[in-house]
PDB file of all heavy atoms in Angstrom:
ATOM      1  N   ASP A   1     114.777 141.143  93.774  1.00  0.00           N
ATOM      2  CA  ASP A   1     114.000 140.661  92.654  1.00  0.00           C
ATOM      3  C   ASP A   1     114.890 140.277  91.462  1.00  0.00           C
ATOM      4  O   ASP A   1     114.674 139.247  90.844  1.00  0.00           O
ATOM      5  CB  ASP A   1     112.977 141.742  92.175  1.00  0.00           C
ATOM      6  CG  ASP A   1     112.169 141.306  90.983  1.00  0.00           C
ATOM      7  OD1 ASP A   1     111.522 140.219  91.028  1.00  0.00           O
ATOM      8  OD2 ASP A   1     112.193 142.051  90.018  1.00  0.00           O
ATOM      9  N   GLU A   2     115.922 141.084  91.231  1.00  0.00           N
ATOM     10  CA  GLU A   2     116.857 140.791  90.153  1.00  0.00           C
ATOM     11  C   GLU A   2     117.541 139.480  90.378  1.00  0.00           C
ATOM     12  O   GLU A   2     117.675 138.630  89.467  1.00  0.00           O
ATOM     13  CB  GLU A   2     117.865 141.955  90.042  1.00  0.00           C
ATOM     14  CG  GLU A   2     118.817 141.764  88.858  1.00  0.00           C
ATOM     15  CD  GLU A   2     119.786 142.976  88.736  1.00  0.00           C
ATOM     16  OE1 GLU A   2     119.454 144.073  89.262  1.00  0.00           O
ATOM     17  OE2 GLU A   2     120.843 142.759  88.163  1.00  0.00           O
ATOM     18  N   ILE A   3     117.984 139.212  91.611  1.00  0.00           N
ATOM     19  CA  ILE A   3     118.690 137.960  91.991  1.00  0.00           C
ATOM     20  C   ILE A   3     117.727 136.787  91.812  1.00  0.00           C
ATOM     21  O   ILE A   3     118.031 135.810  91.193  1.00  0.00           O
ATOM     22  CB  ILE A   3     119.216 138.060  93.410  1.00  0.00           C
ATOM     23  CG1 ILE A   3     120.379 139.058  93.461  1.00  0.00           C
ATOM     24  CG2 ILE A   3     119.756 136.673  93.828  1.00  0.00           C
ATOM     25  CD1 ILE A   3     120.857 139.365  94.906  1.00  0.00           C
ATOM     26  N   GLN A   4     116.501 136.949  92.378  1.00  0.00           N
ATOM     27  CA  GLN A   4     115.567 135.827  92.320  1.00  0.00           C
ATOM     28  C   GLN A   4     115.112 135.504  90.909  1.00  0.00           C
ATOM     29  O   GLN A   4     114.958 134.354  90.550  1.00  0.00           O
ATOM     30  CB  GLN A   4     114.354 136.138  93.229  1.00  0.00           C
ATOM     31  CG  GLN A   4     114.691 136.160  94.725  1.00  0.00           C
ATOM     32  CD  GLN A   4     113.519 136.528  95.591  1.00  0.00           C
ATOM     33  OE1 GLN A   4     112.563 137.156  95.135  1.00  0.00           O
ATOM     34  NE2 GLN A   4     113.618 136.184  96.863  1.00  0.00           N
ATOM     35  N   THR A   5     114.984 136.559  90.087  1.00  0.00           N
ATOM     36  CA  THR A   5     114.630 136.327  88.704  1.00  0.00           C
ATOM     37  C   THR A   5     115.717 135.589  87.990  1.00  0.00           C
ATOM     38  O   THR A   5     115.458 134.643  87.197  1.00  0.00           O
ATOM     39  CB  THR A   5     114.297 137.698  88.021  1.00  0.00           C
ATOM     40  OG1 THR A   5     113.227 138.340  88.663  1.00  0.00           O
ATOM     41  CG2 THR A   5     113.946 137.499  86.548  1.00  0.00           C
ATOM     42  N   HIS A   6     116.961 136.023  88.212  1.00  0.00           N
ATOM     43  CA  HIS A   6     118.128 135.382  87.589  1.00  0.00           C
ATOM     44  C   HIS A   6     118.169 133.884  87.991  1.00  0.00           C
ATOM     45  O   HIS A   6     118.510 133.048  87.178  1.00  0.00           O
ATOM     46  CB  HIS A   6     119.391 136.103  87.975  1.00  0.00           C
ATOM     47  CG  HIS A   6     120.622 135.459  87.406  1.00  0.00           C
ATOM     48  ND1 HIS A   6     120.966 135.479  86.069  1.00  0.00           N
ATOM     49  CD2 HIS A   6     121.625 134.723  88.027  1.00  0.00           C
ATOM     50  CE1 HIS A   6     122.074 134.813  85.892  1.00  0.00           C
ATOM     51  NE2 HIS A   6     122.506 134.397  87.045  1.00  0.00           N
ATOM     52  N   LEU A   7     117.888 133.598  89.277  1.00  0.00           N
ATOM     53  CA  LEU A   7     117.969 132.236  89.772  1.00  0.00           C
ATOM     54  C   LEU A   7     116.733 131.443  89.503  1.00  0.00           C
ATOM     55  O   LEU A   7     116.683 130.252  89.820  1.00  0.00           O
ATOM     56  CB  LEU A   7     118.181 132.263  91.337  1.00  0.00           C
ATOM     57  CG  LEU A   7     119.499 132.855  91.841  1.00  0.00           C
ATOM     58  CD1 LEU A   7     119.515 132.888  93.367  1.00  0.00           C
ATOM     59  CD2 LEU A   7     120.707 132.075  91.342  1.00  0.00           C
ATOM     60  N   GLN A   8     115.742 132.109  88.823  1.00  0.00           N
ATOM     61  CA  GLN A   8     114.442 131.460  88.471  1.00  0.00           C
ATOM     62  C   GLN A   8     113.745 130.931  89.734  1.00  0.00           C
ATOM     63  O   GLN A   8     113.119 129.824  89.702  1.00  0.00           O
ATOM     64  CB  GLN A   8     114.684 130.330  87.444  1.00  0.00           C
ATOM     65  CG  GLN A   8     115.255 130.832  86.108  1.00  0.00           C
ATOM     66  CD  GLN A   8     115.389 129.748  85.072  1.00  0.00           C
ATOM     67  OE1 GLN A   8     115.590 128.610  85.410  1.00  0.00           O
ATOM     68  NE2 GLN A   8     115.186 130.149  83.782  1.00  0.00           N
ATOM     69  N   VAL A   9     113.759 131.757  90.751  1.00  0.00           N
ATOM     70  CA  VAL A   9     113.015 131.378  92.007  1.00  0.00           C
ATOM     71  C   VAL A   9     111.576 131.779  91.775  1.00  0.00           C
ATOM     72  O   VAL A   9     111.240 132.934  91.498  1.00  0.00           O
ATOM     73  CB  VAL A   9     113.560 132.107  93.224  1.00  0.00           C
ATOM     74  CG1 VAL A   9     112.724 131.858  94.433  1.00  0.00           C
ATOM     75  CG2 VAL A   9     115.005 131.766  93.491  1.00  0.00           C
ATOM     76  N   ASN A  10     110.646 130.829  91.831  1.00  0.00           N
ATOM     77  CA  ASN A  10     109.254 131.110  91.575  1.00  0.00           C
ATOM     78  C   ASN A  10     108.275 130.573  92.637  1.00  0.00           C
ATOM     79  O   ASN A  10     107.106 130.400  92.370  1.00  0.00           O
ATOM     80  CB  ASN A  10     108.833 130.585  90.182  1.00  0.00           C
ATOM     81  CG  ASN A  10     109.155 129.147  89.980  1.00  0.00           C
ATOM     82  OD1 ASN A  10     109.318 128.352  90.965  1.00  0.00           O
ATOM     83  ND2 ASN A  10     109.234 128.678  88.755  1.00  0.00           N
ATOM     84  N   LYS A  11     108.826 130.252  93.820  1.00  0.00           N
ATOM     85  CA  LYS A  11     108.023 129.845  94.919  1.00  0.00           C
ATOM     86  C   LYS A  11     108.722 130.139  96.199  1.00  0.00           C
ATOM     87  O   LYS A  11     109.879 130.607  96.202  1.00  0.00           O
ATOM     88  CB  LYS A  11     107.703 128.317  94.855  1.00  0.00           C
ATOM     89  CG  LYS A  11     108.955 127.423  94.972  1.00  0.00           C
ATOM     90  CD  LYS A  11     108.533 125.982  94.905  1.00  0.00           C
ATOM     91  CE  LYS A  11     109.789 125.054  95.114  1.00  0.00           C
ATOM     92  NZ  LYS A  11     109.394 123.625  95.106  1.00  0.00           N
ATOM     93  N   GLY A  12     108.034 129.905  97.355  1.00  0.00           N
ATOM     94  CA  GLY A  12     108.600 130.135  98.654  1.00  0.00           C
ATOM     95  C   GLY A  12     108.209 131.460  99.232  1.00  0.00           C
ATOM     96  O   GLY A  12     107.776 132.449  98.549  1.00  0.00           O
ATOM     97  N   ASN A  13     108.381 131.586 100.574  1.00  0.00           N
ATOM     98  CA  ASN A  13     108.006 132.733 101.317  1.00  0.00           C
ATOM     99  C   ASN A  13     108.698 134.009 100.839  1.00  0.00           C
ATOM    100  O   ASN A  13     108.064 135.050 100.613  1.00  0.00           O
ATOM    101  CB  ASN A  13     108.277 132.477 102.815  1.00  0.00           C
ATOM    102  CG  ASN A  13     108.009 133.723 103.688  1.00  0.00           C
ATOM    103  OD1 ASN A  13     106.884 134.218 103.754  1.00  0.00           O
ATOM    104  ND2 ASN A  13     109.060 134.283 104.272  1.00  0.00           N
ATOM    105  N   SER A  14     110.004 133.926 100.696  1.00  0.00           N
ATOM    106  CA  SER A  14     110.759 135.150 100.401  1.00  0.00           C
ATOM    107  C   SER A  14     110.399 135.658  99.007  1.00  0.00           C
ATOM    108  O   SER A  14     110.303 136.868  98.782  1.00  0.00           O
ATOM    109  CB  SER A  14     112.279 134.874 100.454  1.00  0.00           C
ATOM    110  OG  SER A  14     112.994 136.096 100.229  1.00  0.00           O
ATOM    111  N   ARG A  15     110.157 134.749  98.062  1.00  0.00           N
ATOM    112  CA  ARG A  15     109.796 135.209  96.718  1.00  0.00           C
ATOM    113  C   ARG A  15     108.442 135.887  96.708  1.00  0.00           C
ATOM    114  O   ARG A  15     108.232 136.968  96.125  1.00  0.00           O
ATOM    115  CB  ARG A  15     109.740 134.008  95.717  1.00  0.00           C
ATOM    116  CG  ARG A  15     109.422 134.442  94.289  1.00  0.00           C
ATOM    117  CD  ARG A  15     110.406 135.467  93.783  1.00  0.00           C
ATOM    118  NE  ARG A  15     110.148 135.868  92.416  1.00  0.00           N
ATOM    119  CZ  ARG A  15     110.600 137.037  91.891  1.00  0.00           C
ATOM    120  NH1 ARG A  15     111.242 137.868  92.673  1.00  0.00           N
ATOM    121  NH2 ARG A  15     110.383 137.324  90.618  1.00  0.00           N
ATOM    122  N   ALA A  16     107.496 135.326  97.458  1.00  0.00           N
ATOM    123  CA  ALA A  16     106.167 135.952  97.585  1.00  0.00           C
ATOM    124  C   ALA A  16     106.282 137.302  98.267  1.00  0.00           C
ATOM    125  O   ALA A  16     105.643 138.272  97.876  1.00  0.00           O
ATOM    126  CB  ALA A  16     105.236 135.026  98.379  1.00  0.00           C
ATOM    127  N   GLN A  17     107.108 137.364  99.326  1.00  0.00           N
ATOM    128  CA  GLN A  17     107.295 138.638 100.007  1.00  0.00           C
ATOM    129  C   GLN A  17     107.877 139.760  99.107  1.00  0.00           C
ATOM    130  O   GLN A  17     107.401 140.867  99.064  1.00  0.00           O
ATOM    131  CB  GLN A  17     108.292 138.438 101.211  1.00  0.00           C
ATOM    132  CG  GLN A  17     107.693 137.682 102.387  1.00  0.00           C
ATOM    133  CD  GLN A  17     106.899 138.592 103.261  1.00  0.00           C
ATOM    134  OE1 GLN A  17     106.259 139.535 102.789  1.00  0.00           O
ATOM    135  NE2 GLN A  17     106.936 138.367 104.569  1.00  0.00           N
ATOM    136  N   CYS A  18     108.891 139.348  98.391  1.00  0.00           N
ATOM    137  CA  CYS A  18     109.561 140.264  97.489  1.00  0.00           C
ATOM    138  C   CYS A  18     108.583 140.750  96.446  1.00  0.00           C
ATOM    139  O   CYS A  18     108.466 141.996  96.181  1.00  0.00           O
ATOM    140  CB  CYS A  18     110.754 139.626  96.813  1.00  0.00           C
ATOM    141  SG  CYS A  18     111.696 140.734  95.724  1.00  0.00           S
ATOM    142  N   LEU A  19     107.854 139.863  95.782  1.00  0.00           N
ATOM    143  CA  LEU A  19     106.888 140.282  94.754  1.00  0.00           C
ATOM    144  C   LEU A  19     105.792 141.184  95.309  1.00  0.00           C
ATOM    145  O   LEU A  19     105.468 142.238  94.687  1.00  0.00           O
ATOM    146  CB  LEU A  19     106.222 139.025  94.155  1.00  0.00           C
ATOM    147  CG  LEU A  19     107.081 138.191  93.214  1.00  0.00           C
ATOM    148  CD1 LEU A  19     106.426 136.851  92.955  1.00  0.00           C
ATOM    149  CD2 LEU A  19     107.338 138.900  91.891  1.00  0.00           C
ATOM    150  N   ALA A  20     105.250 140.828  96.521  1.00  0.00           N
ATOM    151  CA  ALA A  20     104.141 141.623  97.059  1.00  0.00           C
ATOM    152  C   ALA A  20     104.596 142.991  97.485  1.00  0.00           C
ATOM    153  O   ALA A  20     103.932 143.991  97.165  1.00  0.00           O
ATOM    154  CB  ALA A  20     103.557 140.869  98.223  1.00  0.00           C
ATOM    155  N   LYS A  21     105.770 143.087  98.185  1.00  0.00           N
ATOM    156  CA  LYS A  21     106.177 144.368  98.676  1.00  0.00           C
ATOM    157  C   LYS A  21     106.690 145.275  97.554  1.00  0.00           C
ATOM    158  O   LYS A  21     106.424 146.466  97.525  1.00  0.00           O
ATOM    159  CB  LYS A  21     107.239 144.179  99.782  1.00  0.00           C
ATOM    160  CG  LYS A  21     106.705 143.463 101.015  1.00  0.00           C
ATOM    161  CD  LYS A  21     105.536 144.289 101.632  1.00  0.00           C
ATOM    162  CE  LYS A  21     105.084 143.645 102.956  1.00  0.00           C
ATOM    163  NZ  LYS A  21     104.332 142.356 102.844  1.00  0.00           N
ATOM    164  N   LEU A  22     107.461 144.691  96.631  1.00  0.00           N
ATOM    165  CA  LEU A  22     107.943 145.506  95.488  1.00  0.00           C
ATOM    166  C   LEU A  22     106.733 145.889  94.609  1.00  0.00           C
ATOM    167  O   LEU A  22     106.663 147.061  94.113  1.00  0.00           O
ATOM    168  CB  LEU A  22     108.924 144.669  94.686  1.00  0.00           C
ATOM    169  CG  LEU A  22     109.503 145.380  93.434  1.00  0.00           C
ATOM    170  CD1 LEU A  22     110.103 146.708  93.791  1.00  0.00           C
ATOM    171  CD2 LEU A  22     110.496 144.439  92.733  1.00  0.00           C
ATOM    172  N   GLY A  23     105.780 144.986  94.476  1.00  0.00           N
ATOM    173  CA  GLY A  23     104.537 145.323  93.733  1.00  0.00           C
ATOM    174  C   GLY A  23     103.822 146.529  94.327  1.00  0.00           C
ATOM    175  O   GLY A  23     103.389 147.412  93.621  1.00  0.00           O
ATOM    176  N   SER A  24     103.718 146.547  95.646  1.00  0.00           N
ATOM    177  CA  SER A  24     103.068 147.683  96.318  1.00  0.00           C
ATOM    178  C   SER A  24     103.819 148.979  96.048  1.00  0.00           C
ATOM    179  O   SER A  24     103.194 150.025  95.811  1.00  0.00           O
ATOM    180  CB  SER A  24     103.018 147.404  97.815  1.00  0.00           C
ATOM    181  OG  SER A  24     102.225 146.323  98.112  1.00  0.00           O
ATOM    182  N   CYS A  25     105.135 148.887  96.077  1.00  0.00           N
ATOM    183  CA  CYS A  25     105.938 150.114  95.765  1.00  0.00           C
ATOM    184  C   CYS A  25     105.705 150.609  94.356  1.00  0.00           C
ATOM    185  O   CYS A  25     105.597 151.770  94.136  1.00  0.00           O
ATOM    186  CB  CYS A  25     107.442 149.814  95.971  1.00  0.00           C
ATOM    187  SG  CYS A  25     107.916 149.474  97.680  1.00  0.00           S
ATOM    188  N   LEU A  26     105.621 149.678  93.424  1.00  0.00           N
ATOM    189  CA  LEU A  26     105.441 150.052  91.999  1.00  0.00           C
ATOM    190  C   LEU A  26     104.033 150.678  91.808  1.00  0.00           C
ATOM    191  O   LEU A  26     103.914 151.624  91.010  1.00  0.00           O
ATOM    192  CB  LEU A  26     105.614 148.809  91.103  1.00  0.00           C
ATOM    193  CG  LEU A  26     107.016 148.257  91.052  1.00  0.00           C
ATOM    194  CD1 LEU A  26     107.014 146.960  90.270  1.00  0.00           C
ATOM    195  CD2 LEU A  26     107.992 149.250  90.373  1.00  0.00           C
ATOM    196  N   VAL A  27     103.024 150.126  92.486  1.00  0.00           N
ATOM    197  CA  VAL A  27     101.688 150.737  92.363  1.00  0.00           C
ATOM    198  C   VAL A  27     101.665 152.146  92.890  1.00  0.00           C
ATOM    199  O   VAL A  27     101.007 153.047  92.304  1.00  0.00           O
ATOM    200  CB  VAL A  27     100.615 149.859  93.128  1.00  0.00           C
ATOM    201  CG1 VAL A  27      99.260 150.559  93.180  1.00  0.00           C
ATOM    202  CG2 VAL A  27     100.488 148.484  92.464  1.00  0.00           C
ATOM    203  N   ARG A  28     102.389 152.408  93.953  1.00  0.00           N
ATOM    204  CA  ARG A  28     102.472 153.784  94.506  1.00  0.00           C
ATOM    205  C   ARG A  28     103.245 154.674  93.540  1.00  0.00           C
ATOM    206  O   ARG A  28     103.012 155.896  93.504  1.00  0.00           O
ATOM    207  CB  ARG A  28     103.209 153.747  95.853  1.00  0.00           C
ATOM    208  CG  ARG A  28     103.246 155.076  96.543  1.00  0.00           C
ATOM    209  CD  ARG A  28     101.849 155.664  96.907  1.00  0.00           C
ATOM    210  NE  ARG A  28     101.941 156.948  97.547  1.00  0.00           N
ATOM    211  CZ  ARG A  28     101.857 157.145  98.823  1.00  0.00           C
ATOM    212  NH1 ARG A  28     101.705 156.119  99.650  1.00  0.00           N
ATOM    213  NH2 ARG A  28     101.904 158.338  99.338  1.00  0.00           N
ATOM    214  N   GLY A  29     104.102 154.067  92.727  1.00  0.00           N
ATOM    215  CA  GLY A  29     104.928 154.871  91.790  1.00  0.00           C
ATOM    216  C   GLY A  29     104.259 154.998  90.413  1.00  0.00           C
ATOM    217  O   GLY A  29     103.088 155.280  90.301  1.00  0.00           O
ATOM    218  N   ASP A  30     105.019 154.683  89.361  1.00  0.00           N
ATOM    219  CA  ASP A  30     104.547 154.915  88.007  1.00  0.00           C
ATOM    220  C   ASP A  30     104.402 153.650  87.190  1.00  0.00           C
ATOM    221  O   ASP A  30     104.366 153.702  85.950  1.00  0.00           O
ATOM    222  CB  ASP A  30     105.526 155.912  87.307  1.00  0.00           C
ATOM    223  CG  ASP A  30     106.938 155.403  87.287  1.00  0.00           C
ATOM    224  OD1 ASP A  30     107.148 154.260  87.806  1.00  0.00           O
ATOM    225  OD2 ASP A  30     107.803 156.095  86.747  1.00  0.00           O
ATOM    226  N   ASP A  31     104.298 152.512  87.849  1.00  0.00           N
ATOM    227  CA  ASP A  31     104.161 151.252  87.106  1.00  0.00           C
ATOM    228  C   ASP A  31     103.094 150.396  87.732  1.00  0.00           C
ATOM    229  O   ASP A  31     103.306 149.292  88.208  1.00  0.00           O
ATOM    230  CB  ASP A  31     105.507 150.511  87.117  1.00  0.00           C
ATOM    231  CG  ASP A  31     105.613 149.524  85.899  1.00  0.00           C
ATOM    232  OD1 ASP A  31     104.593 149.261  85.291  1.00  0.00           O
ATOM    233  OD2 ASP A  31     106.729 149.073  85.615  1.00  0.00           O
ATOM    234  N   LYS A  32     101.879 150.936  87.765  1.00  0.00           N
ATOM    235  CA  LYS A  32     100.764 150.348  88.544  1.00  0.00           C
ATOM    236  C   LYS A  32     100.411 148.939  88.051  1.00  0.00           C
ATOM    237  O   LYS A  32     100.180 148.048  88.865  1.00  0.00           O
ATOM    238  CB  LYS A  32      99.523 151.252  88.457  1.00  0.00           C
ATOM    239  CG  LYS A  32      99.740 152.594  89.198  1.00  0.00           C
ATOM    240  CD  LYS A  32      98.509 153.460  89.068  1.00  0.00           C
ATOM    241  CE  LYS A  32      98.667 154.701  90.012  1.00  0.00           C
ATOM    242  NZ  LYS A  32      99.857 155.458  89.826  1.00  0.00           N
ATOM    243  N   GLU A  33     100.305 148.714  86.728  1.00  0.00           N
ATOM    244  CA  GLU A  33      99.877 147.451  86.237  1.00  0.00           C
ATOM    245  C   GLU A  33     100.927 146.336  86.563  1.00  0.00           C
ATOM    246  O   GLU A  33     100.527 145.217  86.933  1.00  0.00           O
ATOM    247  CB  GLU A  33      99.653 147.524  84.752  1.00  0.00           C
ATOM    248  CG  GLU A  33      98.434 148.376  84.377  1.00  0.00           C
ATOM    249  CD  GLU A  33      97.179 147.998  85.104  1.00  0.00           C
ATOM    250  OE1 GLU A  33      96.873 146.776  85.149  1.00  0.00           O
ATOM    251  OE2 GLU A  33      96.493 148.885  85.665  1.00  0.00           O
ATOM    252  N   ARG A  34     102.156 146.651  86.388  1.00  0.00           N
ATOM    253  CA  ARG A  34     103.235 145.661  86.706  1.00  0.00           C
ATOM    254  C   ARG A  34     103.183 145.390  88.213  1.00  0.00           C
ATOM    255  O   ARG A  34     103.289 144.198  88.637  1.00  0.00           O
ATOM    256  CB  ARG A  34     104.587 146.208  86.322  1.00  0.00           C
ATOM    257  CG  ARG A  34     105.729 145.259  86.655  1.00  0.00           C
ATOM    258  CD  ARG A  34     107.092 145.753  86.147  1.00  0.00           C
ATOM    259  NE  ARG A  34     108.147 144.931  86.647  1.00  0.00           N
ATOM    260  CZ  ARG A  34     109.217 145.404  87.274  1.00  0.00           C
ATOM    261  NH1 ARG A  34     109.351 146.711  87.428  1.00  0.00           N
ATOM    262  NH2 ARG A  34     110.178 144.577  87.670  1.00  0.00           N
ATOM    263  N   GLY A  35     102.987 146.361  88.985  1.00  0.00           N
ATOM    264  CA  GLY A  35     102.934 146.227  90.456  1.00  0.00           C
ATOM    265  C   GLY A  35     101.801 145.308  90.868  1.00  0.00           C
ATOM    266  O   GLY A  35     102.013 144.356  91.691  1.00  0.00           O
ATOM    267  N   LYS A  36     100.594 145.509  90.350  1.00  0.00           N
ATOM    268  CA  LYS A  36      99.462 144.671  90.665  1.00  0.00           C
ATOM    269  C   LYS A  36      99.681 143.223  90.194  1.00  0.00           C
ATOM    270  O   LYS A  36      99.231 142.299  90.867  1.00  0.00           O
ATOM    271  CB  LYS A  36      98.193 145.257  90.161  1.00  0.00           C
ATOM    272  CG  LYS A  36      97.785 146.572  90.869  1.00  0.00           C
ATOM    273  CD  LYS A  36      96.597 147.277  90.231  1.00  0.00           C
ATOM    274  CE  LYS A  36      95.273 146.599  90.552  1.00  0.00           C
ATOM    275  NZ  LYS A  36      94.170 147.450  90.081  1.00  0.00           N
ATOM    276  N   ALA A  37     100.291 143.099  89.035  1.00  0.00           N
ATOM    277  CA  ALA A  37     100.568 141.747  88.506  1.00  0.00           C
ATOM    278  C   ALA A  37     101.530 141.007  89.447  1.00  0.00           C
ATOM    279  O   ALA A  37     101.371 139.779  89.665  1.00  0.00           O
ATOM    280  CB  ALA A  37     101.128 141.838  87.129  1.00  0.00           C
ATOM    281  N   MET A  38     102.522 141.721  90.014  1.00  0.00           N
ATOM    282  CA  MET A  38     103.421 141.101  90.952  1.00  0.00           C
ATOM    283  C   MET A  38     102.731 140.614  92.215  1.00  0.00           C
ATOM    284  O   MET A  38     102.933 139.490  92.710  1.00  0.00           O
ATOM    285  CB  MET A  38     104.483 142.098  91.359  1.00  0.00           C
ATOM    286  CG  MET A  38     105.627 142.305  90.346  1.00  0.00           C
ATOM    287  SD  MET A  38     106.914 143.374  91.001  1.00  0.00           S
ATOM    288  CE  MET A  38     108.251 142.904  89.982  1.00  0.00           C
ATOM    289  N   ILE A  39     101.792 141.457  92.736  1.00  0.00           N
ATOM    290  CA  ILE A  39     101.044 141.060  93.924  1.00  0.00           C
ATOM    291  C   ILE A  39     100.169 139.854  93.646  1.00  0.00           C
ATOM    292  O   ILE A  39     100.046 138.893  94.458  1.00  0.00           O
ATOM    293  CB  ILE A  39     100.174 142.247  94.415  1.00  0.00           C
ATOM    294  CG1 ILE A  39     101.084 143.459  94.813  1.00  0.00           C
ATOM    295  CG2 ILE A  39      99.397 141.801  95.657  1.00  0.00           C
ATOM    296  CD1 ILE A  39     100.361 144.687  95.088  1.00  0.00           C
ATOM    297  N   GLU A  40      99.531 139.823  92.422  1.00  0.00           N
ATOM    298  CA  GLU A  40      98.716 138.649  92.056  1.00  0.00           C
ATOM    299  C   GLU A  40      99.585 137.394  91.943  1.00  0.00           C
ATOM    300  O   GLU A  40      99.183 136.288  92.385  1.00  0.00           O
ATOM    301  CB  GLU A  40      98.039 138.934  90.718  1.00  0.00           C
ATOM    302  CG  GLU A  40      96.903 139.936  90.837  1.00  0.00           C
ATOM    303  CD  GLU A  40      96.429 140.435  89.502  1.00  0.00           C
ATOM    304  OE1 GLU A  40      97.034 140.059  88.460  1.00  0.00           O
ATOM    305  OE2 GLU A  40      95.454 141.204  89.459  1.00  0.00           O
ATOM    306  N   ASP A  41     100.804 137.526  91.480  1.00  0.00           N
ATOM    307  CA  ASP A  41     101.724 136.380  91.435  1.00  0.00           C
ATOM    308  C   ASP A  41     102.052 135.901  92.859  1.00  0.00           C
ATOM    309  O   ASP A  41     102.145 134.674  93.123  1.00  0.00           O
ATOM    310  CB  ASP A  41     103.040 136.726  90.712  1.00  0.00           C
ATOM    311  CG  ASP A  41     102.871 136.804  89.206  1.00  0.00           C
ATOM    312  OD1 ASP A  41     101.842 136.280  88.683  1.00  0.00           O
ATOM    313  OD2 ASP A  41     103.728 137.389  88.522  1.00  0.00           O
ATOM    314  N   ALA A  42     102.250 136.891  93.721  1.00  0.00           N
ATOM    315  CA  ALA A  42     102.521 136.504  95.156  1.00  0.00           C
ATOM    316  C   ALA A  42     101.383 135.773  95.794  1.00  0.00           C
ATOM    317  O   ALA A  42     101.565 134.815  96.562  1.00  0.00           O
ATOM    318  CB  ALA A  42     102.897 137.777  95.928  1.00  0.00           C
ATOM    319  N   ILE A  43     100.179 136.230  95.520  1.00  0.00           N
ATOM    320  CA  ILE A  43      98.996 135.553  96.043  1.00  0.00           C
ATOM    321  C   ILE A  43      98.873 134.144  95.503  1.00  0.00           C
ATOM    322  O   ILE A  43      98.597 133.202  96.304  1.00  0.00           O
ATOM    323  CB  ILE A  43      97.686 136.344  95.696  1.00  0.00           C
ATOM    324  CG1 ILE A  43      97.669 137.652  96.486  1.00  0.00           C
ATOM    325  CG2 ILE A  43      96.454 135.507  95.982  1.00  0.00           C
ATOM    326  CD1 ILE A  43      96.534 138.619  96.105  1.00  0.00           C
ATOM    327  N   ARG A  44      99.219 133.938  94.259  1.00  0.00           N
ATOM    328  CA  ARG A  44      99.149 132.572  93.692  1.00  0.00           C
ATOM    329  C   ARG A  44     100.166 131.677  94.382  1.00  0.00           C
ATOM    330  O   ARG A  44      99.916 130.481  94.610  1.00  0.00           O
ATOM    331  CB  ARG A  44      99.407 132.627  92.175  1.00  0.00           C
ATOM    332  CG  ARG A  44      98.169 133.003  91.364  1.00  0.00           C
ATOM    333  CD  ARG A  44      98.351 132.789  89.901  1.00  0.00           C
ATOM    334  NE  ARG A  44      99.273 133.754  89.336  1.00  0.00           N
ATOM    335  CZ  ARG A  44      98.838 134.932  88.798  1.00  0.00           C
ATOM    336  NH1 ARG A  44      97.571 135.266  88.796  1.00  0.00           N
ATOM    337  NH2 ARG A  44      99.719 135.743  88.258  1.00  0.00           N
ATOM    338  N   ILE A  45     101.359 132.239  94.670  1.00  0.00           N
ATOM    339  CA  ILE A  45     102.376 131.420  95.359  1.00  0.00           C
ATOM    340  C   ILE A  45     101.851 130.993  96.744  1.00  0.00           C
ATOM    341  O   ILE A  45     101.999 129.843  97.137  1.00  0.00           O
ATOM    342  CB  ILE A  45     103.674 132.219  95.475  1.00  0.00           C
ATOM    343  CG1 ILE A  45     104.386 132.366  94.154  1.00  0.00           C
ATOM    344  CG2 ILE A  45     104.649 131.514  96.472  1.00  0.00           C
ATOM    345  CD1 ILE A  45     105.586 133.319  94.186  1.00  0.00           C
TER     346      ILE A  45
END
């Protein structure tokens, strides 16, 4: 995610995968709102 954010990658399969899976991890942890927002971004992609 850090690399893709730095490169301003905002589309494509891998970006959607990264956002969705990292978002799921964050929801399970202590950053639920950010995690769900990431998954919503992945769905939009």
